[in-house]
Amino acid sequence: MKKILLFGLAFLLFSCSQDDKEIQSTPLETQTIDPSIGYNSPYYADSSGYMDMGVTPNGYINYKLINSTNLFFTFTPYFGYGTFDFDPNIPEILWPNSPSNSSNIKIFDPSSIYYSPNLITNGKKFGNFIPAEAITLNPNQQQTFIAYNAVPLQYPGMPTINGFNFNYTGSTVRSAERDIVGKMGKLFFIKFDVKNKTIPVANSTVKMNFPHNLLQNGLPNNWANVGYVDSFFGERLVYNKNSREICITIEPNSQYTDTHRFTYQGRNYEVGILTNSTDVVIYLKQVP
C-alpha cells in the first residue's frame, strides 16, 4: 500500500489520467466560488477528500506571474496543505488521528517515508508552509505555469518544465512534502523584493487574496473555522464547506493583506495576489 501511495504522489503530478478525469466529473467537486463574499478561486478537494484540487471542468490551474513595470520583481512563494478533511464523510489522508490505518500518509511519523516536519511546524495538520525557490521577473516579463493537479512542480533529473522548484540549494523541503503540495496544496503567500536594477525599492509579504474582515462581519453558512491559527501569521484559518479549500483570514489588525502598495520616483505601484475560477495571479503593476 505504501508503494502504491508513493507512486501516486510522485508520478500522478505529471499527468491527468483517466482516473483524474473521472474524479473531476463528480458533482460534489467545484472550485470555491462564493458571490456572497466576493471570493472566487480555482482550488477544490475531490469528492474523496484525496489528491486533487484541479479545476472543473477545465482540469487545470494557471499560475500567472506578471511584472508589468520597469522594475525587477523577485518573490518566494509559500505553499501548504490546502484542503480540510476533518469530516466524518471524508477519508483523512494526512494522518494525525488514525495511526492504525496503514493506507494513510503518515506525515507525523518520523519513521514514515511520508514524514513531513515542515508541514507540521505548529504540531497540527493545517496552517504550515514550505517555500519554493525564489523567482525573478525582469521588467515587463510574464510567465505562466500550468498545473493539472494543484501546484505545478519541477523535478530533479526530469526535463525542464514550467513549475515551482523545491529542490534548490539550501532547501529543507522533503520530497514527500513537495509531492503532497503538488497534489493537495495551494499557494498561501509570497515574500517579495522589488529593485531598480541593484537598488532596493520595496520588500514585504503578501497573502493570497481573501475578503477582508470576514470574521468580524461573521462567517457565512458555507464557511467554518478550522479551529486554530496558522504558524506564520498567527491568523485564523477558515475553510469552505463545499470545496473544502482552506484560507487565511485578513482582519483589521492583520499586519499583511493581499496587496502591498509603495511609491518610487513619484510613481505608485502594487504587488498582489488574485484568483478567479481558473487562475492564480501574482503581479507587480503601476497604479494611479
C-alpha atoms as a PDB file:
ATOM      1  CA  MET A   1       0.000   0.000   0.000  1.00  0.00           C
ATOM      2  CA  LYS A   2       2.840   2.398   0.809  1.00  0.00           C
ATOM      3  CA  LYS A   3       4.387   1.775  -2.596  1.00  0.00           C
ATOM      4  CA  ILE A   4       1.084   2.499  -4.299  1.00  0.00           C
ATOM      5  CA  LEU A   5       0.664   5.763  -2.400  1.00  0.00           C
ATOM      6  CA  LEU A   6       4.236   6.842  -3.090  1.00  0.00           C
ATOM      7  CA  PHE A   7       3.855   6.237  -6.813  1.00  0.00           C
ATOM      8  CA  GLY A   8       0.583   8.140  -6.700  1.00  0.00           C
ATOM      9  CA  LEU A   9       2.268  11.145  -5.127  1.00  0.00           C
ATOM     10  CA  ALA A  10       5.401  11.055  -7.243  1.00  0.00           C
ATOM     11  CA  PHE A  11       4.009  10.393 -10.705  1.00  0.00           C
ATOM     12  CA  LEU A  12       0.371  11.435 -10.922  1.00  0.00           C
ATOM     13  CA  LEU A  13       1.571  15.025 -10.614  1.00  0.00           C
ATOM     14  CA  PHE A  14       2.798  14.831 -14.205  1.00  0.00           C
ATOM     15  CA  SER A  15      -0.357  13.625 -15.911  1.00  0.00           C
ATOM     16  CA  CYS A  16      -4.091  13.997 -15.978  1.00  0.00           C
ATOM     17  CA  SER A  17      -5.053  10.331 -16.078  1.00  0.00           C
ATOM     18  CA  GLN A  18      -8.397   8.816 -16.899  1.00  0.00           C
ATOM     19  CA  ASP A  19      -8.919   8.319 -13.169  1.00  0.00           C
ATOM     20  CA  ASP A  20      -8.301  12.031 -12.621  1.00  0.00           C
ATOM     21  CA  LYS A  21     -10.871  12.894 -15.276  1.00  0.00           C
ATOM     22  CA  GLU A  22     -13.424  10.626 -13.658  1.00  0.00           C
ATOM     23  CA  ILE A  23     -12.759  12.238 -10.274  1.00  0.00           C
ATOM     24  CA  GLN A  24     -13.138  15.716 -11.733  1.00  0.00           C
ATOM     25  CA  SER A  25     -16.508  14.859 -13.248  1.00  0.00           C
ATOM     26  CA  THR A  26     -18.205  14.110  -9.935  1.00  0.00           C
ATOM     27  CA  PRO A  27     -20.947  16.594  -8.985  1.00  0.00           C
ATOM     28  CA  LEU A  28     -19.559  17.140  -5.464  1.00  0.00           C
ATOM     29  CA  GLU A  29     -16.466  18.878  -6.778  1.00  0.00           C
ATOM     30  CA  THR A  30     -16.364  22.562  -7.513  1.00  0.00           C
ATOM     31  CA  GLN A  31     -13.829  25.315  -7.137  1.00  0.00           C
ATOM     32  CA  THR A  32     -14.559  27.928  -4.479  1.00  0.00           C
ATOM     33  CA  ILE A  33     -16.986  30.423  -5.996  1.00  0.00           C
ATOM     34  CA  ASP A  34     -18.858  32.403  -3.357  1.00  0.00           C
ATOM     35  CA  PRO A  35     -20.647  35.536  -4.611  1.00  0.00           C
ATOM     36  CA  SER A  36     -21.942  36.236  -1.102  1.00  0.00           C
ATOM     37  CA  ILE A  37     -18.444  37.301  -0.010  1.00  0.00           C
ATOM     38  CA  GLY A  38     -16.905  38.044  -3.420  1.00  0.00           C
ATOM     39  CA  TYR A  39     -14.396  35.185  -3.384  1.00  0.00           C
ATOM     40  CA  ASN A  40     -13.555  33.150  -6.479  1.00  0.00           C
ATOM     41  CA  SER A  41     -10.798  30.513  -6.523  1.00  0.00           C
ATOM     42  CA  PRO A  42      -9.706  27.559  -8.696  1.00  0.00           C
ATOM     43  CA  TYR A  43      -8.959  25.278  -5.740  1.00  0.00           C
ATOM     44  CA  TYR A  44     -11.080  22.392  -4.518  1.00  0.00           C
ATOM     45  CA  ALA A  45     -10.742  18.950  -2.895  1.00  0.00           C
ATOM     46  CA  ASP A  46     -12.168  15.985  -4.777  1.00  0.00           C
ATOM     47  CA  SER A  47     -15.162  14.014  -3.577  1.00  0.00           C
ATOM     48  CA  SER A  48     -12.965  11.508  -1.718  1.00  0.00           C
ATOM     49  CA  GLY A  49     -11.040  14.256   0.104  1.00  0.00           C
ATOM     50  CA  TYR A  50      -7.923  12.977  -1.628  1.00  0.00           C
ATOM     51  CA  MET A  51      -5.256  14.052  -4.104  1.00  0.00           C
ATOM     52  CA  ASP A  52      -6.847  16.543  -6.452  1.00  0.00           C
ATOM     53  CA  MET A  53      -7.508  20.250  -6.442  1.00  0.00           C
ATOM     54  CA  GLY A  54      -7.616  20.911 -10.180  1.00  0.00           C
ATOM     55  CA  VAL A  55     -10.317  22.996 -11.809  1.00  0.00           C
ATOM     56  CA  THR A  56     -13.653  21.636 -13.011  1.00  0.00           C
ATOM     57  CA  PRO A  57     -14.394  21.474 -15.909  1.00  0.00           C
ATOM     58  CA  ASN A  58     -11.103  22.729 -17.367  1.00  0.00           C
ATOM     59  CA  GLY A  59      -8.858  20.338 -15.444  1.00  0.00           C
ATOM     60  CA  TYR A  60      -6.018  22.792 -14.827  1.00  0.00           C
ATOM     61  CA  ILE A  61      -4.927  25.871 -12.888  1.00  0.00           C
ATOM     62  CA  ASN A  62      -2.945  28.696 -14.485  1.00  0.00           C
ATOM     63  CA  TYR A  63      -0.328  30.291 -12.243  1.00  0.00           C
ATOM     64  CA  LYS A  64       0.243  33.630 -13.952  1.00  0.00           C
ATOM     65  CA  LEU A  65       3.342  35.566 -12.869  1.00  0.00           C
ATOM     66  CA  ILE A  66       3.214  39.137 -14.143  1.00  0.00           C
ATOM     67  CA  ASN A  67       5.567  42.096 -13.889  1.00  0.00           C
ATOM     68  CA  SER A  68       4.167  44.980 -15.941  1.00  0.00           C
ATOM     69  CA  THR A  69       6.674  47.573 -14.680  1.00  0.00           C
ATOM     70  CA  ASN A  70      10.236  48.682 -15.449  1.00  0.00           C
ATOM     71  CA  LEU A  71      11.440  47.307 -12.107  1.00  0.00           C
ATOM     72  CA  PHE A  72      12.807  43.879 -11.129  1.00  0.00           C
ATOM     73  CA  PHE A  73      10.343  41.731  -9.159  1.00  0.00           C
ATOM     74  CA  THR A  74      11.633  38.802  -7.072  1.00  0.00           C
ATOM     75  CA  PHE A  75       9.317  36.712  -4.900  1.00  0.00           C
ATOM     76  CA  THR A  76       9.392  33.497  -2.897  1.00  0.00           C
ATOM     77  CA  PRO A  77       6.074  31.590  -2.993  1.00  0.00           C
ATOM     78  CA  TYR A  78       4.943  29.657   0.087  1.00  0.00           C
ATOM     79  CA  PHE A  79       2.652  26.650  -0.225  1.00  0.00           C
ATOM     80  CA  GLY A  80       0.828  24.457   2.271  1.00  0.00           C
ATOM     81  CA  TYR A  81      -1.737  21.690   2.587  1.00  0.00           C
ATOM     82  CA  GLY A  82      -4.857  23.286   1.149  1.00  0.00           C
ATOM     83  CA  THR A  83      -7.835  21.023   1.801  1.00  0.00           C
ATOM     84  CA  PHE A  84      -9.787  20.476   5.023  1.00  0.00           C
ATOM     85  CA  ASP A  85     -10.647  16.791   5.571  1.00  0.00           C
ATOM     86  CA  PHE A  86     -11.662  16.584   9.240  1.00  0.00           C
ATOM     87  CA  ASP A  87     -15.126  15.380   8.362  1.00  0.00           C
ATOM     88  CA  PRO A  88     -16.780  12.013   9.144  1.00  0.00           C
ATOM     89  CA  ASN A  89     -17.740  11.669   5.480  1.00  0.00           C
ATOM     90  CA  ILE A  90     -14.260  12.391   4.080  1.00  0.00           C
ATOM     91  CA  PRO A  91     -11.301   9.978   4.252  1.00  0.00           C
ATOM     92  CA  GLU A  92      -8.471  11.536   6.219  1.00  0.00           C
ATOM     93  CA  ILE A  93      -5.316  11.262   4.099  1.00  0.00           C
ATOM     94  CA  LEU A  94      -2.565  13.006   6.091  1.00  0.00           C
ATOM     95  CA  TRP A  95      -2.576  11.139   9.378  1.00  0.00           C
ATOM     96  CA  PRO A  96      -2.700  12.854  12.728  1.00  0.00           C
ATOM     97  CA  ASN A  97      -5.541  10.860  14.315  1.00  0.00           C
ATOM     98  CA  SER A  98      -5.706   7.342  12.888  1.00  0.00           C
ATOM     99  CA  PRO A  99      -2.307   5.603  13.138  1.00  0.00           C
ATOM    100  CA  SER A 100      -3.865   2.164  12.681  1.00  0.00           C
ATOM    101  CA  ASN A 101      -4.897   2.982   9.124  1.00  0.00           C
ATOM    102  CA  SER A 102      -1.908   1.784   7.085  1.00  0.00           C
ATOM    103  CA  SER A 103      -3.227   3.403   3.904  1.00  0.00           C
ATOM    104  CA  ASN A 104      -2.853   6.911   5.313  1.00  0.00           C
ATOM    105  CA  ILE A 105       0.178   9.079   4.544  1.00  0.00           C
ATOM    106  CA  LYS A 106       1.811   9.373   7.950  1.00  0.00           C
ATOM    107  CA  ILE A 107       3.250  12.884   7.881  1.00  0.00           C
ATOM    108  CA  PHE A 108       3.569  12.904  11.711  1.00  0.00           C
ATOM    109  CA  ASP A 109       5.575   9.660  11.915  1.00  0.00           C
ATOM    110  CA  PRO A 110       9.395  10.152  11.779  1.00  0.00           C
ATOM    111  CA  SER A 111       9.804   6.524  10.662  1.00  0.00           C
ATOM    112  CA  SER A 112       7.484   7.021   7.684  1.00  0.00           C
ATOM    113  CA  ILE A 113       8.670   7.816   4.173  1.00  0.00           C
ATOM    114  CA  TYR A 114       5.960  10.476   4.214  1.00  0.00           C
ATOM    115  CA  TYR A 115       7.242  12.245   7.337  1.00  0.00           C
ATOM    116  CA  SER A 116       6.789  15.982   6.720  1.00  0.00           C
ATOM    117  CA  PRO A 117       8.356  18.061   9.519  1.00  0.00           C
ATOM    118  CA  ASN A 118       7.930  21.362   7.676  1.00  0.00           C
ATOM    119  CA  LEU A 119       4.214  20.743   7.121  1.00  0.00           C
ATOM    120  CA  ILE A 120       3.582  20.098  10.829  1.00  0.00           C
ATOM    121  CA  THR A 121       5.545  23.032  12.270  1.00  0.00           C
ATOM    122  CA  ASN A 122       2.706  24.032  14.597  1.00  0.00           C
ATOM    123  CA  GLY A 123       2.168  20.426  15.673  1.00  0.00           C
ATOM    124  CA  LYS A 124      -1.030  20.359  13.661  1.00  0.00           C
ATOM    125  CA  LYS A 125      -2.091  19.352  10.167  1.00  0.00           C
ATOM    126  CA  PHE A 126      -3.081  22.742   8.754  1.00  0.00           C
ATOM    127  CA  GLY A 127      -1.513  26.193   8.627  1.00  0.00           C
ATOM    128  CA  ASN A 128       2.114  25.291   7.829  1.00  0.00           C
ATOM    129  CA  PHE A 129       4.073  26.276   4.736  1.00  0.00           C
ATOM    130  CA  ILE A 130       7.073  25.364   2.602  1.00  0.00           C
ATOM    131  CA  PRO A 131       8.930  27.817   0.307  1.00  0.00           C
ATOM    132  CA  ALA A 132       9.637  27.155  -3.338  1.00  0.00           C
ATOM    133  CA  GLU A 133      12.715  28.664  -4.970  1.00  0.00           C
ATOM    134  CA  ALA A 134      12.562  32.430  -5.475  1.00  0.00           C
ATOM    135  CA  ILE A 135      11.502  33.625  -8.935  1.00  0.00           C
ATOM    136  CA  THR A 136      12.703  36.856 -10.546  1.00  0.00           C
ATOM    137  CA  LEU A 137      10.655  38.575 -13.220  1.00  0.00           C
ATOM    138  CA  ASN A 138      12.587  41.087 -15.281  1.00  0.00           C
ATOM    139  CA  PRO A 139      10.933  44.362 -16.312  1.00  0.00           C
ATOM    140  CA  ASN A 140       7.751  43.723 -18.314  1.00  0.00           C
ATOM    141  CA  GLN A 141       8.141  39.942 -18.114  1.00  0.00           C
ATOM    142  CA  GLN A 142       5.381  37.368 -17.705  1.00  0.00           C
ATOM    143  CA  GLN A 143       5.386  33.601 -17.121  1.00  0.00           C
ATOM    144  CA  THR A 144       2.610  31.038 -16.852  1.00  0.00           C
ATOM    145  CA  PHE A 145       2.869  27.715 -15.039  1.00  0.00           C
ATOM    146  CA  ILE A 146       0.053  25.246 -15.757  1.00  0.00           C
ATOM    147  CA  ALA A 147      -0.978  22.753 -13.055  1.00  0.00           C
ATOM    148  CA  TYR A 148      -3.088  19.726 -13.918  1.00  0.00           C
ATOM    149  CA  ASN A 149      -3.422  18.955 -10.222  1.00  0.00           C
ATOM    150  CA  ALA A 150      -2.893  21.585  -7.537  1.00  0.00           C
ATOM    151  CA  VAL A 151       0.630  23.016  -7.910  1.00  0.00           C
ATOM    152  CA  PRO A 152       2.978  22.629 -10.923  1.00  0.00           C
ATOM    153  CA  LEU A 153       6.363  21.235  -9.873  1.00  0.00           C
ATOM    154  CA  GLN A 154       9.889  20.907 -11.179  1.00  0.00           C
ATOM    155  CA  TYR A 155      11.596  17.577 -10.510  1.00  0.00           C
ATOM    156  CA  PRO A 156      15.322  16.811 -10.340  1.00  0.00           C
ATOM    157  CA  GLY A 157      16.531  14.766 -13.293  1.00  0.00           C
ATOM    158  CA  MET A 158      13.428  15.492 -15.345  1.00  0.00           C
ATOM    159  CA  PRO A 159      13.281  17.706 -18.448  1.00  0.00           C
ATOM    160  CA  THR A 160      12.885  21.372 -17.605  1.00  0.00           C
ATOM    161  CA  ILE A 161       9.237  22.256 -17.181  1.00  0.00           C
ATOM    162  CA  ASN A 162       7.489  25.403 -16.055  1.00  0.00           C
ATOM    163  CA  GLY A 163       6.804  24.839 -12.393  1.00  0.00           C
ATOM    164  CA  PHE A 164       7.827  25.698  -8.854  1.00  0.00           C
ATOM    165  CA  ASN A 165      11.148  24.271  -7.672  1.00  0.00           C
ATOM    166  CA  PHE A 166      11.505  22.870  -4.144  1.00  0.00           C
ATOM    167  CA  ASN A 167      14.867  21.166  -4.762  1.00  0.00           C
ATOM    168  CA  TYR A 168      17.064  24.269  -4.815  1.00  0.00           C
ATOM    169  CA  THR A 169      20.385  24.558  -2.972  1.00  0.00           C
ATOM    170  CA  GLY A 170      19.766  25.006   0.748  1.00  0.00           C
ATOM    171  CA  SER A 171      16.175  23.775   0.636  1.00  0.00           C
ATOM    172  CA  THR A 172      14.993  21.724   3.634  1.00  0.00           C
ATOM    173  CA  VAL A 173      11.792  20.642   1.874  1.00  0.00           C
ATOM    174  CA  ARG A 174      11.467  16.867   1.753  1.00  0.00           C
ATOM    175  CA  SER A 175      10.352  15.048  -1.397  1.00  0.00           C
ATOM    176  CA  ALA A 176       7.191  13.836   0.341  1.00  0.00           C
ATOM    177  CA  GLU A 177       6.280  17.414   1.290  1.00  0.00           C
ATOM    178  CA  ARG A 178       6.828  18.585  -2.269  1.00  0.00           C
ATOM    179  CA  ASP A 179       4.602  15.809  -3.620  1.00  0.00           C
ATOM    180  CA  ILE A 180       1.874  16.436  -1.035  1.00  0.00           C
ATOM    181  CA  VAL A 181       1.778  20.118  -2.003  1.00  0.00           C
ATOM    182  CA  GLY A 182       1.734  19.173  -5.688  1.00  0.00           C
ATOM    183  CA  LYS A 183      -1.424  17.105  -5.302  1.00  0.00           C
ATOM    184  CA  MET A 184      -3.147  18.579  -2.240  1.00  0.00           C
ATOM    185  CA  GLY A 185      -1.668  22.044  -1.725  1.00  0.00           C
ATOM    186  CA  LYS A 186      -2.209  25.661  -2.631  1.00  0.00           C
ATOM    187  CA  LEU A 187      -0.367  28.968  -2.623  1.00  0.00           C
ATOM    188  CA  PHE A 188      -0.842  30.897   0.628  1.00  0.00           C
ATOM    189  CA  PHE A 189       1.544  33.886   0.418  1.00  0.00           C
ATOM    190  CA  ILE A 190       4.698  35.357  -1.107  1.00  0.00           C
ATOM    191  CA  LYS A 191       7.666  37.276   0.255  1.00  0.00           C
ATOM    192  CA  PHE A 192       8.923  39.763  -2.303  1.00  0.00           C
ATOM    193  CA  ASP A 193      11.663  42.262  -3.173  1.00  0.00           C
ATOM    194  CA  VAL A 194      11.442  44.967  -5.796  1.00  0.00           C
ATOM    195  CA  LYS A 195      14.591  46.588  -7.180  1.00  0.00           C
ATOM    196  CA  ASN A 196      15.614  49.152  -9.746  1.00  0.00           C
ATOM    197  CA  LYS A 197      18.483  47.070 -11.136  1.00  0.00           C
ATOM    198  CA  THR A 198      20.513  46.638  -7.915  1.00  0.00           C
ATOM    199  CA  ILE A 199      18.850  49.443  -5.920  1.00  0.00           C
ATOM    200  CA  PRO A 200      16.335  48.180  -3.294  1.00  0.00           C
ATOM    201  CA  VAL A 201      12.901  49.716  -3.748  1.00  0.00           C
ATOM    202  CA  ALA A 202      10.419  47.732  -1.623  1.00  0.00           C
ATOM    203  CA  ASN A 203      10.018  44.425   0.184  1.00  0.00           C
ATOM    204  CA  SER A 204       7.241  42.858   2.191  1.00  0.00           C
ATOM    205  CA  THR A 205       4.856  39.899   2.385  1.00  0.00           C
ATOM    206  CA  VAL A 206       1.536  39.498   0.560  1.00  0.00           C
ATOM    207  CA  LYS A 207      -1.150  36.919   1.329  1.00  0.00           C
ATOM    208  CA  MET A 208      -3.364  35.065  -1.094  1.00  0.00           C
ATOM    209  CA  ASN A 209      -6.392  37.226  -1.772  1.00  0.00           C
ATOM    210  CA  PHE A 210      -9.383  36.778   0.519  1.00  0.00           C
ATOM    211  CA  PRO A 211     -12.299  39.012   1.555  1.00  0.00           C
ATOM    212  CA  HIS A 212     -11.310  41.343   4.369  1.00  0.00           C
ATOM    213  CA  ASN A 213     -12.957  41.397   7.819  1.00  0.00           C
ATOM    214  CA  LEU A 214     -14.854  38.149   7.271  1.00  0.00           C
ATOM    215  CA  LEU A 215     -14.548  37.057  10.897  1.00  0.00           C
ATOM    216  CA  GLN A 216     -15.503  40.499  12.181  1.00  0.00           C
ATOM    217  CA  ASN A 217     -18.593  40.545   9.983  1.00  0.00           C
ATOM    218  CA  GLY A 218     -19.497  36.921  10.692  1.00  0.00           C
ATOM    219  CA  LEU A 219     -18.768  33.791   8.652  1.00  0.00           C
ATOM    220  CA  PRO A 220     -21.415  32.856   6.064  1.00  0.00           C
ATOM    221  CA  ASN A 221     -23.090  29.478   6.491  1.00  0.00           C
ATOM    222  CA  ASN A 222     -20.922  27.790   3.872  1.00  0.00           C
ATOM    223  CA  TRP A 223     -17.692  28.695   5.706  1.00  0.00           C
ATOM    224  CA  ALA A 224     -16.327  27.386   9.024  1.00  0.00           C
ATOM    225  CA  ASN A 225     -13.361  27.906  11.326  1.00  0.00           C
ATOM    226  CA  VAL A 226     -10.555  25.360  11.201  1.00  0.00           C
ATOM    227  CA  GLY A 227     -10.144  25.936  14.923  1.00  0.00           C
ATOM    228  CA  TYR A 228      -6.668  27.436  15.256  1.00  0.00           C
ATOM    229  CA  VAL A 229      -4.229  29.915  13.690  1.00  0.00           C
ATOM    230  CA  ASP A 230      -1.521  29.403  11.070  1.00  0.00           C
ATOM    231  CA  SER A 231       2.157  29.082  12.030  1.00  0.00           C
ATOM    232  CA  PHE A 232       3.480  32.118  10.117  1.00  0.00           C
ATOM    233  CA  PHE A 233       0.997  34.995  10.505  1.00  0.00           C
ATOM    234  CA  GLY A 234      -0.869  33.768  13.575  1.00  0.00           C
ATOM    235  CA  GLU A 235      -4.139  34.401  11.714  1.00  0.00           C
ATOM    236  CA  ARG A 236      -7.335  32.390  11.966  1.00  0.00           C
ATOM    237  CA  LEU A 237      -7.850  29.681   9.335  1.00  0.00           C
ATOM    238  CA  VAL A 238     -11.234  29.070   7.713  1.00  0.00           C
ATOM    239  CA  TYR A 239     -12.449  26.630   5.082  1.00  0.00           C
ATOM    240  CA  ASN A 240     -15.244  26.458   2.537  1.00  0.00           C
ATOM    241  CA  LYS A 241     -17.661  23.613   3.311  1.00  0.00           C
ATOM    242  CA  ASN A 242     -18.314  22.885  -0.365  1.00  0.00           C
ATOM    243  CA  SER A 243     -14.830  22.983  -1.903  1.00  0.00           C
ATOM    244  CA  ARG A 244     -13.022  22.385   1.432  1.00  0.00           C
ATOM    245  CA  GLU A 245     -10.392  24.958   0.451  1.00  0.00           C
ATOM    246  CA  ILE A 246      -8.506  26.377   3.460  1.00  0.00           C
ATOM    247  CA  CYS A 247      -7.877  30.143   3.546  1.00  0.00           C
ATOM    248  CA  ILE A 248      -6.010  32.561   5.796  1.00  0.00           C
ATOM    249  CA  THR A 249      -8.206  35.394   7.015  1.00  0.00           C
ATOM    250  CA  ILE A 250      -7.471  39.108   6.638  1.00  0.00           C
ATOM    251  CA  GLU A 251      -8.808  41.154   9.544  1.00  0.00           C
ATOM    252  CA  PRO A 252      -8.498  44.842  10.612  1.00  0.00           C
ATOM    253  CA  ASN A 253      -5.462  44.066  12.795  1.00  0.00           C
ATOM    254  CA  SER A 254      -3.670  41.941  10.180  1.00  0.00           C
ATOM    255  CA  GLN A 255      -0.109  43.088   9.570  1.00  0.00           C
ATOM    256  CA  TYR A 256      -0.189  41.831   5.980  1.00  0.00           C
ATOM    257  CA  THR A 257      -3.005  41.730   3.441  1.00  0.00           C
ATOM    258  CA  ASP A 258      -3.432  40.568  -0.153  1.00  0.00           C
ATOM    259  CA  THR A 259      -1.855  43.711  -1.646  1.00  0.00           C
ATOM    260  CA  HIS A 260       1.082  45.976  -0.844  1.00  0.00           C
ATOM    261  CA  ARG A 261       1.449  49.477  -2.282  1.00  0.00           C
ATOM    262  CA  PHE A 262       4.556  51.644  -2.420  1.00  0.00           C
ATOM    263  CA  THR A 263       5.780  54.793  -4.163  1.00  0.00           C
ATOM    264  CA  TYR A 264       9.055  55.087  -6.045  1.00  0.00           C
ATOM    265  CA  GLN A 265      10.318  58.086  -8.004  1.00  0.00           C
ATOM    266  CA  GLY A 266       6.868  59.679  -7.957  1.00  0.00           C
ATOM    267  CA  ARG A 267       5.043  56.587  -9.237  1.00  0.00           C
ATOM    268  CA  ASN A 268       2.709  54.282  -7.314  1.00  0.00           C
ATOM    269  CA  TYR A 269       3.000  50.507  -7.519  1.00  0.00           C
ATOM    270  CA  GLU A 270       1.108  47.493  -6.207  1.00  0.00           C
ATOM    271  CA  VAL A 271       2.154  43.903  -5.500  1.00  0.00           C
ATOM    272  CA  GLY A 272      -0.673  41.438  -5.025  1.00  0.00           C
ATOM    273  CA  ILE A 273      -2.190  38.008  -5.482  1.00  0.00           C
ATOM    274  CA  LEU A 274      -5.610  37.489  -7.002  1.00  0.00           C
ATOM    275  CA  THR A 275      -7.612  34.472  -8.127  1.00  0.00           C
ATOM    276  CA  ASN A 276     -10.523  33.530 -10.331  1.00  0.00           C
ATOM    277  CA  SER A 277     -12.051  30.174 -11.250  1.00  0.00           C
ATOM    278  CA  THR A 278      -9.065  29.150 -13.406  1.00  0.00           C
ATOM    279  CA  ASP A 279      -6.118  31.358 -12.398  1.00  0.00           C
ATOM    280  CA  VAL A 280      -3.816  32.296  -9.557  1.00  0.00           C
ATOM    281  CA  VAL A 281      -2.117  35.600 -10.438  1.00  0.00           C
ATOM    282  CA  ILE A 282       0.978  37.042  -8.738  1.00  0.00           C
ATOM    283  CA  TYR A 283       1.642  40.543 -10.005  1.00  0.00           C
ATOM    284  CA  LEU A 284       3.569  43.804  -9.770  1.00  0.00           C
ATOM    285  CA  LYS A 285       1.923  46.722 -11.554  1.00  0.00           C
ATOM    286  CA  GLN A 286       1.827  50.516 -11.610  1.00  0.00           C
ATOM    287  CA  VAL A 287      -1.334  52.082 -10.164  1.00  0.00           C
ATOM    288  CA  PRO A 288      -2.746  55.618 -10.140  1.00  0.00           C
END
